[in-house]
Amino acid sequence: MWRFLLLSGVLLCTVQVATADEQCAALFFKGQLPRDLQSGDWGQQAFLCNAEYAAMVSSRTKSPLWSAEDLTAENVEAARNTNRINDSREDPRLTRGMRATLQDYRDVGYDRGHMTPSGDEPGAEAQDQSFFLSNIVPQTAELNRGPWEGVESAVRGWAEQEGELFVVTGPGYDPDHLAATVGIHSIPVPDVIWKAVYDPAGPGAGVYICTNTHKPQCKITSVATLTQLVGIDPFPALSESLKNQVSSMPPIRESPHAVKSRTGSEKLLNEWGSKMAQKALKALLHALSRG
């Protein structure tokens, strides 16, 4: 039996939660939350159920370990017709010891990077909730306004084509050390950002994963490889065969920011080309394999 404590509308997990409550169950494939394979490393965890997405927040990082949504073509269309209001703020549902603050992100050299993007959220309430800091991690401007915007755009286009996608997005950290931090609460800067997608109409699954650097590199890989890298299984109910395959995923679209700032030969990268990126991945795999 899985145990949890309900406090002020927030599930504070003492062990891994297997299924979502009734309100948020539809956001997950077969109602099963992403599985954290190294929950002991993240301190206390809080499960937050919003109108159109859910997130699991760590007391150690004061940011989401993952953020999940059931992205439909109808939601994409509604989001397109919803005015975006930038209103980043603390999440009042979290205790002071678990929440990030705006001061943590002020003049730190990183963007406030959404995990579930506001561009997916239909209606004013859903848009508003996407700006909680419980849905945000420190992200380089080069990634957030470049390839990552292209990833988000590609997934929205995919949802419009297929009708429905289950999407889980999150950060990945080098488990040997959390060197870079921002703000008065030492919010760790992720080494990578990932977005896992399951297409039930395909059926098929795959993952976009990018280094969170000033020269970001992005790759499309399998759910199984993602789980090895970051210790989170985004779709526990998915068959092992689908987890080990890579769906035919749309290429990363070029963002408007990238088009404006790109010089002659610069392009968005779809392969791990740099030694830095390869080193980060090898370090993650090595550390997790020892655990």
C-alpha atoms as a PDB file:
ATOM      1  CA  MET A   1       0.000   0.000   0.000  1.00  0.00           C
ATOM      2  CA  TRP A   2       1.356   3.384  -0.974  1.00  0.00           C
ATOM      3  CA  ARG A   3       1.297   5.985   1.828  1.00  0.00           C
ATOM      4  CA  PHE A   4       0.908   9.724   1.589  1.00  0.00           C
ATOM      5  CA  LEU A   5      -0.051  12.663   3.769  1.00  0.00           C
ATOM      6  CA  LEU A   6      -2.660  15.186   2.639  1.00  0.00           C
ATOM      7  CA  LEU A   7      -1.787  18.666   3.884  1.00  0.00           C
ATOM      8  CA  SER A   8      -3.512  21.861   2.689  1.00  0.00           C
ATOM      9  CA  GLY A   9      -4.452  20.267  -0.632  1.00  0.00           C
ATOM     10  CA  VAL A  10      -0.923  19.062  -1.378  1.00  0.00           C
ATOM     11  CA  LEU A  11       0.179  15.434  -1.373  1.00  0.00           C
ATOM     12  CA  LEU A  12       3.447  15.180   0.552  1.00  0.00           C
ATOM     13  CA  CYS A  13       4.854  11.846  -0.515  1.00  0.00           C
ATOM     14  CA  THR A  14       6.604   9.586   1.941  1.00  0.00           C
ATOM     15  CA  VAL A  15       7.124   6.893  -0.704  1.00  0.00           C
ATOM     16  CA  GLN A  16       6.619   6.769  -4.444  1.00  0.00           C
ATOM     17  CA  VAL A  17       2.989   7.437  -5.344  1.00  0.00           C
ATOM     18  CA  ALA A  18       1.662   4.855  -7.816  1.00  0.00           C
ATOM     19  CA  THR A  19      -1.526   6.461  -9.108  1.00  0.00           C
ATOM     20  CA  ALA A  20      -2.979   9.947  -9.271  1.00  0.00           C
ATOM     21  CA  ASP A  21      -6.096  11.065  -7.446  1.00  0.00           C
ATOM     22  CA  GLU A  22      -9.331  11.164  -9.429  1.00  0.00           C
ATOM     23  CA  GLN A  23      -8.990  14.844 -10.330  1.00  0.00           C
ATOM     24  CA  CYS A  24      -5.624  14.433 -12.054  1.00  0.00           C
ATOM     25  CA  ALA A  25      -5.689  10.784 -13.144  1.00  0.00           C
ATOM     26  CA  ALA A  26      -6.579  11.673 -16.741  1.00  0.00           C
ATOM     27  CA  LEU A  27      -3.327  13.604 -17.133  1.00  0.00           C
ATOM     28  CA  PHE A  28      -1.271  10.383 -16.966  1.00  0.00           C
ATOM     29  CA  PHE A  29      -1.124   7.342 -19.219  1.00  0.00           C
ATOM     30  CA  LYS A  30      -3.389   4.772 -17.521  1.00  0.00           C
ATOM     31  CA  GLY A  31      -3.522   7.064 -14.490  1.00  0.00           C
ATOM     32  CA  GLN A  32       0.010   6.222 -13.353  1.00  0.00           C
ATOM     33  CA  LEU A  33       2.355   8.978 -12.175  1.00  0.00           C
ATOM     34  CA  PRO A  34       5.955   9.048 -13.426  1.00  0.00           C
ATOM     35  CA  ARG A  35       8.089   6.779 -11.265  1.00  0.00           C
ATOM     36  CA  ASP A  36      11.058   8.283  -9.441  1.00  0.00           C
ATOM     37  CA  LEU A  37      13.700   5.567  -9.135  1.00  0.00           C
ATOM     38  CA  GLN A  38      15.861   7.566  -6.729  1.00  0.00           C
ATOM     39  CA  SER A  39      13.283   9.254  -4.498  1.00  0.00           C
ATOM     40  CA  GLY A  40      15.620   9.212  -1.498  1.00  0.00           C
ATOM     41  CA  ASP A  41      17.874  11.729  -3.261  1.00  0.00           C
ATOM     42  CA  TRP A  42      15.224  14.419  -3.495  1.00  0.00           C
ATOM     43  CA  GLY A  43      14.061  14.855   0.092  1.00  0.00           C
ATOM     44  CA  GLN A  44      10.379  15.458   0.665  1.00  0.00           C
ATOM     45  CA  GLN A  45       8.179  15.528  -2.422  1.00  0.00           C
ATOM     46  CA  ALA A  46       4.890  17.345  -3.019  1.00  0.00           C
ATOM     47  CA  PHE A  47       2.386  16.354  -5.684  1.00  0.00           C
ATOM     48  CA  LEU A  48       0.514  19.336  -7.141  1.00  0.00           C
ATOM     49  CA  CYS A  49      -2.654  18.854  -9.181  1.00  0.00           C
ATOM     50  CA  ASN A  50      -3.602  21.781 -11.439  1.00  0.00           C
ATOM     51  CA  ALA A  51      -6.393  22.320 -13.947  1.00  0.00           C
ATOM     52  CA  GLU A  52      -4.469  20.958 -16.969  1.00  0.00           C
ATOM     53  CA  TYR A  53      -1.130  19.679 -15.638  1.00  0.00           C
ATOM     54  CA  ALA A  54       0.380  18.108 -12.526  1.00  0.00           C
ATOM     55  CA  ALA A  55       3.861  18.399 -11.030  1.00  0.00           C
ATOM     56  CA  MET A  56       6.039  16.686  -8.445  1.00  0.00           C
ATOM     57  CA  VAL A  57       8.189  19.154  -6.491  1.00  0.00           C
ATOM     58  CA  SER A  58      11.321  18.321  -4.500  1.00  0.00           C
ATOM     59  CA  SER A  59      12.208  20.009  -1.215  1.00  0.00           C
ATOM     60  CA  ARG A  60      15.873  19.675  -2.147  1.00  0.00           C
ATOM     61  CA  THR A  61      15.636  21.487  -5.493  1.00  0.00           C
ATOM     62  CA  LYS A  62      12.517  23.591  -4.723  1.00  0.00           C
ATOM     63  CA  SER A  63      11.518  22.974  -8.325  1.00  0.00           C
ATOM     64  CA  PRO A  64       9.677  20.263 -10.254  1.00  0.00           C
ATOM     65  CA  LEU A  65      11.175  16.818 -10.743  1.00  0.00           C
ATOM     66  CA  TRP A  66       8.612  16.430 -13.510  1.00  0.00           C
ATOM     67  CA  SER A  67       5.520  18.151 -14.906  1.00  0.00           C
ATOM     68  CA  ALA A  68       2.897  16.143 -16.797  1.00  0.00           C
ATOM     69  CA  GLU A  69       0.010  16.928 -19.133  1.00  0.00           C
ATOM     70  CA  ASP A  70      -2.510  15.263 -21.427  1.00  0.00           C
ATOM     71  CA  LEU A  71      -2.024  17.468 -24.484  1.00  0.00           C
ATOM     72  CA  THR A  72      -4.927  17.416 -26.934  1.00  0.00           C
ATOM     73  CA  ALA A  73      -5.514  19.152 -30.246  1.00  0.00           C
ATOM     74  CA  GLU A  74      -8.421  21.010 -28.623  1.00  0.00           C
ATOM     75  CA  ASN A  75      -6.165  22.298 -25.845  1.00  0.00           C
ATOM     76  CA  VAL A  76      -3.575  23.531 -28.341  1.00  0.00           C
ATOM     77  CA  GLU A  77      -6.250  25.416 -30.264  1.00  0.00           C
ATOM     78  CA  ALA A  78      -7.705  26.925 -27.087  1.00  0.00           C
ATOM     79  CA  ALA A  79      -4.242  27.908 -25.854  1.00  0.00           C
ATOM     80  CA  ARG A  80      -3.528  29.639 -29.136  1.00  0.00           C
ATOM     81  CA  ASN A  81      -6.590  31.818 -28.550  1.00  0.00           C
ATOM     82  CA  THR A  82      -5.753  32.592 -24.903  1.00  0.00           C
ATOM     83  CA  ASN A  83      -3.837  35.761 -24.124  1.00  0.00           C
ATOM     84  CA  ARG A  84      -0.569  35.024 -22.316  1.00  0.00           C
ATOM     85  CA  ILE A  85      -0.089  36.935 -19.072  1.00  0.00           C
ATOM     86  CA  ASN A  86       3.427  36.656 -17.645  1.00  0.00           C
ATOM     87  CA  ASP A  87       2.802  36.370 -13.909  1.00  0.00           C
ATOM     88  CA  SER A  88       5.534  34.178 -12.426  1.00  0.00           C
ATOM     89  CA  ARG A  89       5.071  33.792  -8.675  1.00  0.00           C
ATOM     90  CA  GLU A  90       5.541  31.558  -5.669  1.00  0.00           C
ATOM     91  CA  ASP A  91       3.238  28.582  -5.275  1.00  0.00           C
ATOM     92  CA  PRO A  92       1.243  29.264  -2.091  1.00  0.00           C
ATOM     93  CA  ARG A  93       0.303  25.596  -1.736  1.00  0.00           C
ATOM     94  CA  LEU A  94       3.881  24.700  -0.825  1.00  0.00           C
ATOM     95  CA  THR A  95       5.437  25.223   2.586  1.00  0.00           C
ATOM     96  CA  ARG A  96       8.091  27.943   2.872  1.00  0.00           C
ATOM     97  CA  GLY A  97      10.769  25.262   3.034  1.00  0.00           C
ATOM     98  CA  MET A  98       9.725  23.737  -0.273  1.00  0.00           C
ATOM     99  CA  ARG A  99       9.044  26.736  -2.484  1.00  0.00           C
ATOM    100  CA  ALA A 100      11.215  28.879  -4.729  1.00  0.00           C
ATOM    101  CA  THR A 101      10.716  32.651  -4.724  1.00  0.00           C
ATOM    102  CA  LEU A 102      10.972  35.333  -7.386  1.00  0.00           C
ATOM    103  CA  GLN A 103      14.084  36.585  -5.648  1.00  0.00           C
ATOM    104  CA  ASP A 104      15.757  33.270  -6.476  1.00  0.00           C
ATOM    105  CA  TYR A 105      15.444  34.113 -10.179  1.00  0.00           C
ATOM    106  CA  ARG A 106      16.189  37.843 -10.087  1.00  0.00           C
ATOM    107  CA  ASP A 107      19.337  38.899 -12.009  1.00  0.00           C
ATOM    108  CA  VAL A 108      20.856  35.402 -11.910  1.00  0.00           C
ATOM    109  CA  GLY A 109      21.645  35.008 -15.613  1.00  0.00           C
ATOM    110  CA  TYR A 110      19.053  32.261 -16.242  1.00  0.00           C
ATOM    111  CA  ASP A 111      15.526  32.296 -17.646  1.00  0.00           C
ATOM    112  CA  ARG A 112      12.551  31.005 -15.696  1.00  0.00           C
ATOM    113  CA  GLY A 113      12.057  27.890 -17.807  1.00  0.00           C
ATOM    114  CA  HIS A 114       8.562  26.365 -17.851  1.00  0.00           C
ATOM    115  CA  MET A 115       8.325  22.596 -17.761  1.00  0.00           C
ATOM    116  CA  THR A 116       4.688  22.416 -18.891  1.00  0.00           C
ATOM    117  CA  PRO A 117       4.647  25.423 -21.247  1.00  0.00           C
ATOM    118  CA  SER A 118       2.043  28.147 -21.014  1.00  0.00           C
ATOM    119  CA  GLY A 119       1.577  27.716 -24.761  1.00  0.00           C
ATOM    120  CA  ASP A 120      -0.062  24.325 -24.092  1.00  0.00           C
ATOM    121  CA  GLU A 121      -2.527  25.633 -21.528  1.00  0.00           C
ATOM    122  CA  PRO A 122      -6.142  26.297 -22.580  1.00  0.00           C
ATOM    123  CA  GLY A 123      -7.938  29.131 -20.825  1.00  0.00           C
ATOM    124  CA  ALA A 124      -6.971  31.806 -18.330  1.00  0.00           C
ATOM    125  CA  GLU A 125      -6.908  29.557 -15.238  1.00  0.00           C
ATOM    126  CA  ALA A 126      -4.627  26.954 -16.804  1.00  0.00           C
ATOM    127  CA  GLN A 127      -2.335  29.653 -18.223  1.00  0.00           C
ATOM    128  CA  ASP A 128      -2.183  31.328 -14.830  1.00  0.00           C
ATOM    129  CA  GLN A 129      -1.236  28.110 -13.038  1.00  0.00           C
ATOM    130  CA  SER A 130       1.571  27.376 -15.491  1.00  0.00           C
ATOM    131  CA  PHE A 131       3.446  30.412 -14.110  1.00  0.00           C
ATOM    132  CA  PHE A 132       3.765  28.977 -10.609  1.00  0.00           C
ATOM    133  CA  LEU A 133       7.469  28.574  -9.755  1.00  0.00           C
ATOM    134  CA  SER A 134       6.603  24.956  -8.919  1.00  0.00           C
ATOM    135  CA  ASN A 135       6.528  24.483 -12.722  1.00  0.00           C
ATOM    136  CA  ILE A 136       9.818  26.290 -13.402  1.00  0.00           C
ATOM    137  CA  VAL A 137      13.570  25.550 -13.372  1.00  0.00           C
ATOM    138  CA  PRO A 138      16.620  27.716 -14.189  1.00  0.00           C
ATOM    139  CA  GLN A 139      17.197  27.463 -17.935  1.00  0.00           C
ATOM    140  CA  THR A 140      19.780  29.165 -20.107  1.00  0.00           C
ATOM    141  CA  ALA A 141      18.375  31.807 -22.427  1.00  0.00           C
ATOM    142  CA  GLU A 142      20.107  30.096 -25.347  1.00  0.00           C
ATOM    143  CA  LEU A 143      18.150  26.883 -24.709  1.00  0.00           C
ATOM    144  CA  ASN A 144      14.868  28.381 -23.508  1.00  0.00           C
ATOM    145  CA  ARG A 145      14.533  30.829 -26.401  1.00  0.00           C
ATOM    146  CA  GLY A 146      16.135  28.579 -28.985  1.00  0.00           C
ATOM    147  CA  PRO A 147      15.890  24.803 -29.392  1.00  0.00           C
ATOM    148  CA  TRP A 148      13.593  24.296 -26.395  1.00  0.00           C
ATOM    149  CA  GLU A 149      11.000  26.614 -27.871  1.00  0.00           C
ATOM    150  CA  GLY A 150      11.391  24.552 -31.015  1.00  0.00           C
ATOM    151  CA  VAL A 151      10.770  21.329 -29.041  1.00  0.00           C
ATOM    152  CA  GLU A 152       7.584  22.752 -27.514  1.00  0.00           C
ATOM    153  CA  SER A 153       6.351  23.908 -30.923  1.00  0.00           C
ATOM    154  CA  ALA A 154       7.068  20.507 -32.482  1.00  0.00           C
ATOM    155  CA  VAL A 155       5.097  18.712 -29.756  1.00  0.00           C
ATOM    156  CA  ARG A 156       2.120  21.043 -30.167  1.00  0.00           C
ATOM    157  CA  GLY A 157       2.125  20.356 -33.905  1.00  0.00           C
ATOM    158  CA  TRP A 158       2.312  16.627 -33.197  1.00  0.00           C
ATOM    159  CA  ALA A 159      -0.677  16.855 -30.821  1.00  0.00           C
ATOM    160  CA  GLU A 160      -2.693  18.699 -33.455  1.00  0.00           C
ATOM    161  CA  GLN A 161      -1.921  15.959 -35.956  1.00  0.00           C
ATOM    162  CA  GLU A 162      -2.573  12.966 -33.692  1.00  0.00           C
ATOM    163  CA  GLY A 163      -5.315  14.377 -31.468  1.00  0.00           C
ATOM    164  CA  GLU A 164      -3.799  13.510 -28.085  1.00  0.00           C
ATOM    165  CA  LEU A 165      -0.361  13.037 -26.521  1.00  0.00           C
ATOM    166  CA  PHE A 166       0.752  12.235 -22.982  1.00  0.00           C
ATOM    167  CA  VAL A 167       3.686  14.535 -22.211  1.00  0.00           C
ATOM    168  CA  VAL A 168       6.059  14.600 -19.235  1.00  0.00           C
ATOM    169  CA  THR A 169       8.786  17.241 -18.957  1.00  0.00           C
ATOM    170  CA  GLY A 170      11.539  17.617 -16.411  1.00  0.00           C
ATOM    171  CA  PRO A 171      15.125  18.471 -15.472  1.00  0.00           C
ATOM    172  CA  GLY A 172      18.100  16.135 -15.148  1.00  0.00           C
ATOM    173  CA  TYR A 173      21.035  16.588 -12.764  1.00  0.00           C
ATOM    174  CA  ASP A 174      24.514  15.152 -12.532  1.00  0.00           C
ATOM    175  CA  PRO A 175      24.082  13.004  -9.385  1.00  0.00           C
ATOM    176  CA  ASP A 176      27.734  13.422  -8.368  1.00  0.00           C
ATOM    177  CA  HIS A 177      27.336  17.114  -7.630  1.00  0.00           C
ATOM    178  CA  LEU A 178      24.916  20.045  -7.933  1.00  0.00           C
ATOM    179  CA  ALA A 179      27.552  22.646  -8.612  1.00  0.00           C
ATOM    180  CA  ALA A 180      25.669  25.544 -10.195  1.00  0.00           C
ATOM    181  CA  THR A 181      22.892  27.129  -8.144  1.00  0.00           C
ATOM    182  CA  VAL A 182      20.883  30.352  -8.264  1.00  0.00           C
ATOM    183  CA  GLY A 183      19.162  32.544  -5.703  1.00  0.00           C
ATOM    184  CA  ILE A 184      19.029  32.786  -1.946  1.00  0.00           C
ATOM    185  CA  HIS A 185      17.640  29.249  -1.696  1.00  0.00           C
ATOM    186  CA  SER A 186      20.380  27.737  -3.895  1.00  0.00           C
ATOM    187  CA  ILE A 187      18.072  26.429  -6.622  1.00  0.00           C
ATOM    188  CA  PRO A 188      20.167  23.909  -8.609  1.00  0.00           C
ATOM    189  CA  VAL A 189      20.621  24.471 -12.328  1.00  0.00           C
ATOM    190  CA  PRO A 190      19.758  21.308 -14.311  1.00  0.00           C
ATOM    191  CA  ASP A 191      22.395  19.757 -16.548  1.00  0.00           C
ATOM    192  CA  VAL A 192      19.741  18.669 -19.055  1.00  0.00           C
ATOM    193  CA  ILE A 193      16.067  19.352 -19.801  1.00  0.00           C
ATOM    194  CA  TRP A 194      13.891  16.591 -21.256  1.00  0.00           C
ATOM    195  CA  LYS A 195      10.406  16.106 -22.683  1.00  0.00           C
ATOM    196  CA  ALA A 196       8.996  12.579 -22.978  1.00  0.00           C
ATOM    197  CA  VAL A 197       6.043  12.002 -25.305  1.00  0.00           C
ATOM    198  CA  TYR A 198       3.708   9.030 -25.710  1.00  0.00           C
ATOM    199  CA  ASP A 199       1.418   8.954 -28.751  1.00  0.00           C
ATOM    200  CA  PRO A 200      -1.401   6.457 -28.035  1.00  0.00           C
ATOM    201  CA  ALA A 201      -2.629   6.666 -31.635  1.00  0.00           C
ATOM    202  CA  GLY A 202       0.798   5.619 -32.985  1.00  0.00           C
ATOM    203  CA  PRO A 203       1.401   3.973 -30.722  1.00  0.00           C
ATOM    204  CA  GLY A 204       4.896   5.173 -30.030  1.00  0.00           C
ATOM    205  CA  ALA A 205       7.063   7.085 -27.586  1.00  0.00           C
ATOM    206  CA  GLY A 206      10.269   9.045 -27.497  1.00  0.00           C
ATOM    207  CA  VAL A 207      12.150  11.793 -25.709  1.00  0.00           C
ATOM    208  CA  TYR A 208      13.641  15.139 -26.635  1.00  0.00           C
ATOM    209  CA  ILE A 209      16.606  15.875 -24.369  1.00  0.00           C
ATOM    210  CA  CYS A 210      18.821  18.969 -24.440  1.00  0.00           C
ATOM    211  CA  THR A 211      21.867  20.148 -22.536  1.00  0.00           C
ATOM    212  CA  ASN A 212      21.072  23.212 -20.441  1.00  0.00           C
ATOM    213  CA  THR A 213      24.116  25.157 -21.562  1.00  0.00           C
ATOM    214  CA  HIS A 214      24.954  28.344 -23.428  1.00  0.00           C
ATOM    215  CA  LYS A 215      25.579  26.206 -26.513  1.00  0.00           C
ATOM    216  CA  PRO A 216      22.745  23.691 -26.156  1.00  0.00           C
ATOM    217  CA  GLN A 217      22.775  20.357 -27.917  1.00  0.00           C
ATOM    218  CA  CYS A 218      19.577  18.332 -28.396  1.00  0.00           C
ATOM    219  CA  LYS A 219      18.870  14.689 -29.147  1.00  0.00           C
ATOM    220  CA  ILE A 220      15.897  12.420 -29.689  1.00  0.00           C
ATOM    221  CA  THR A 221      16.173   9.193 -27.693  1.00  0.00           C
ATOM    222  CA  SER A 222      14.115   6.411 -26.082  1.00  0.00           C
ATOM    223  CA  VAL A 223      12.158   6.422 -22.828  1.00  0.00           C
ATOM    224  CA  ALA A 224      14.395   3.614 -21.566  1.00  0.00           C
ATOM    225  CA  THR A 225      17.525   5.699 -22.173  1.00  0.00           C
ATOM    226  CA  LEU A 226      15.954   8.694 -20.419  1.00  0.00           C
ATOM    227  CA  THR A 227      15.215   6.543 -17.370  1.00  0.00           C
ATOM    228  CA  GLN A 228      18.849   5.439 -17.292  1.00  0.00           C
ATOM    229  CA  LEU A 229      20.041   9.027 -17.541  1.00  0.00           C
ATOM    230  CA  VAL A 230      17.839  10.801 -15.013  1.00  0.00           C
ATOM    231  CA  GLY A 231      16.290   8.070 -12.857  1.00  0.00           C
ATOM    232  CA  ILE A 232      12.669   8.872 -13.761  1.00  0.00           C
ATOM    233  CA  ASP A 233      10.311   6.646 -15.736  1.00  0.00           C
ATOM    234  CA  PRO A 234       7.782   9.054 -17.276  1.00  0.00           C
ATOM    235  CA  PHE A 235       5.363   6.309 -18.365  1.00  0.00           C
ATOM    236  CA  PRO A 236       5.410   3.338 -15.933  1.00  0.00           C
ATOM    237  CA  ALA A 237       2.376   1.743 -17.632  1.00  0.00           C
ATOM    238  CA  LEU A 238       4.077   1.682 -21.033  1.00  0.00           C
ATOM    239  CA  SER A 239       5.363  -1.670 -22.336  1.00  0.00           C
ATOM    240  CA  GLU A 240       9.095  -2.286 -22.226  1.00  0.00           C
ATOM    241  CA  SER A 241       9.158  -2.751 -26.002  1.00  0.00           C
ATOM    242  CA  LEU A 242       7.754   0.755 -26.567  1.00  0.00           C
ATOM    243  CA  LYS A 243      10.106   2.203 -23.956  1.00  0.00           C
ATOM    244  CA  ASN A 244      13.074   0.791 -25.856  1.00  0.00           C
ATOM    245  CA  GLN A 245      11.936   2.039 -29.260  1.00  0.00           C
ATOM    246  CA  VAL A 246      12.073   5.597 -30.558  1.00  0.00           C
ATOM    247  CA  SER A 247       8.922   6.790 -32.252  1.00  0.00           C
ATOM    248  CA  SER A 248       9.075   8.699 -35.515  1.00  0.00           C
ATOM    249  CA  MET A 249       9.052  12.083 -33.804  1.00  0.00           C
ATOM    250  CA  PRO A 250       8.764  15.467 -35.512  1.00  0.00           C
ATOM    251  CA  PRO A 251      12.049  17.364 -35.821  1.00  0.00           C
ATOM    252  CA  ILE A 252      12.748  20.261 -33.492  1.00  0.00           C
ATOM    253  CA  ARG A 253      11.268  23.386 -35.023  1.00  0.00           C
ATOM    254  CA  GLU A 254      13.255  26.559 -35.287  1.00  0.00           C
ATOM    255  CA  SER A 255      12.034  29.147 -32.808  1.00  0.00           C
ATOM    256  CA  PRO A 256      11.374  32.803 -33.740  1.00  0.00           C
ATOM    257  CA  HIS A 257      14.148  33.809 -31.309  1.00  0.00           C
ATOM    258  CA  ALA A 258      16.628  31.512 -33.041  1.00  0.00           C
ATOM    259  CA  VAL A 259      15.734  32.857 -36.474  1.00  0.00           C
ATOM    260  CA  LYS A 260      16.366  36.424 -35.303  1.00  0.00           C
ATOM    261  CA  SER A 261      19.692  35.748 -33.603  1.00  0.00           C
ATOM    262  CA  ARG A 262      21.218  33.096 -35.870  1.00  0.00           C
ATOM    263  CA  THR A 263      24.237  34.000 -37.942  1.00  0.00           C
ATOM    264  CA  GLY A 264      25.214  32.458 -41.287  1.00  0.00           C
ATOM    265  CA  SER A 265      26.219  28.877 -40.566  1.00  0.00           C
ATOM    266  CA  GLU A 266      24.642  28.447 -37.117  1.00  0.00           C
ATOM    267  CA  LYS A 267      21.801  25.899 -36.921  1.00  0.00           C
ATOM    268  CA  LEU A 268      19.773  24.159 -34.245  1.00  0.00           C
ATOM    269  CA  LEU A 269      21.564  20.912 -33.433  1.00  0.00           C
ATOM    270  CA  ASN A 270      19.828  17.550 -33.297  1.00  0.00           C
ATOM    271  CA  GLU A 271      22.817  15.465 -32.245  1.00  0.00           C
ATOM    272  CA  TRP A 272      25.168  15.466 -29.284  1.00  0.00           C
ATOM    273  CA  GLY A 273      28.139  17.053 -30.991  1.00  0.00           C
ATOM    274  CA  SER A 274      30.236  18.600 -28.246  1.00  0.00           C
ATOM    275  CA  LYS A 275      32.616  16.905 -25.858  1.00  0.00           C
ATOM    276  CA  MET A 276      30.904  18.746 -23.003  1.00  0.00           C
ATOM    277  CA  ALA A 277      27.530  17.198 -23.849  1.00  0.00           C
ATOM    278  CA  GLN A 278      29.003  13.725 -24.207  1.00  0.00           C
ATOM    279  CA  LYS A 279      30.848  14.087 -20.916  1.00  0.00           C
ATOM    280  CA  ALA A 280      27.659  15.141 -19.097  1.00  0.00           C
ATOM    281  CA  LEU A 281      25.754  12.129 -20.406  1.00  0.00           C
ATOM    282  CA  LYS A 282      28.543   9.706 -19.571  1.00  0.00           C
ATOM    283  CA  ALA A 283      28.783  11.094 -16.048  1.00  0.00           C
ATOM    284  CA  LEU A 284      25.047  10.638 -15.513  1.00  0.00           C
ATOM    285  CA  LEU A 285      25.066   7.072 -16.838  1.00  0.00           C
ATOM    286  CA  HIS A 286      28.169   6.139 -14.837  1.00  0.00           C
ATOM    287  CA  ALA A 287      26.806   7.485 -11.561  1.00  0.00           C
ATOM    288  CA  LEU A 288      23.379   5.881 -11.996  1.00  0.00           C
ATOM    289  CA  SER A 289      24.838   2.492 -12.961  1.00  0.00           C
ATOM    290  CA  ARG A 290      26.840   2.462  -9.717  1.00  0.00           C
ATOM    291  CA  GLY A 291      23.677   3.071  -7.689  1.00  0.00           C
END
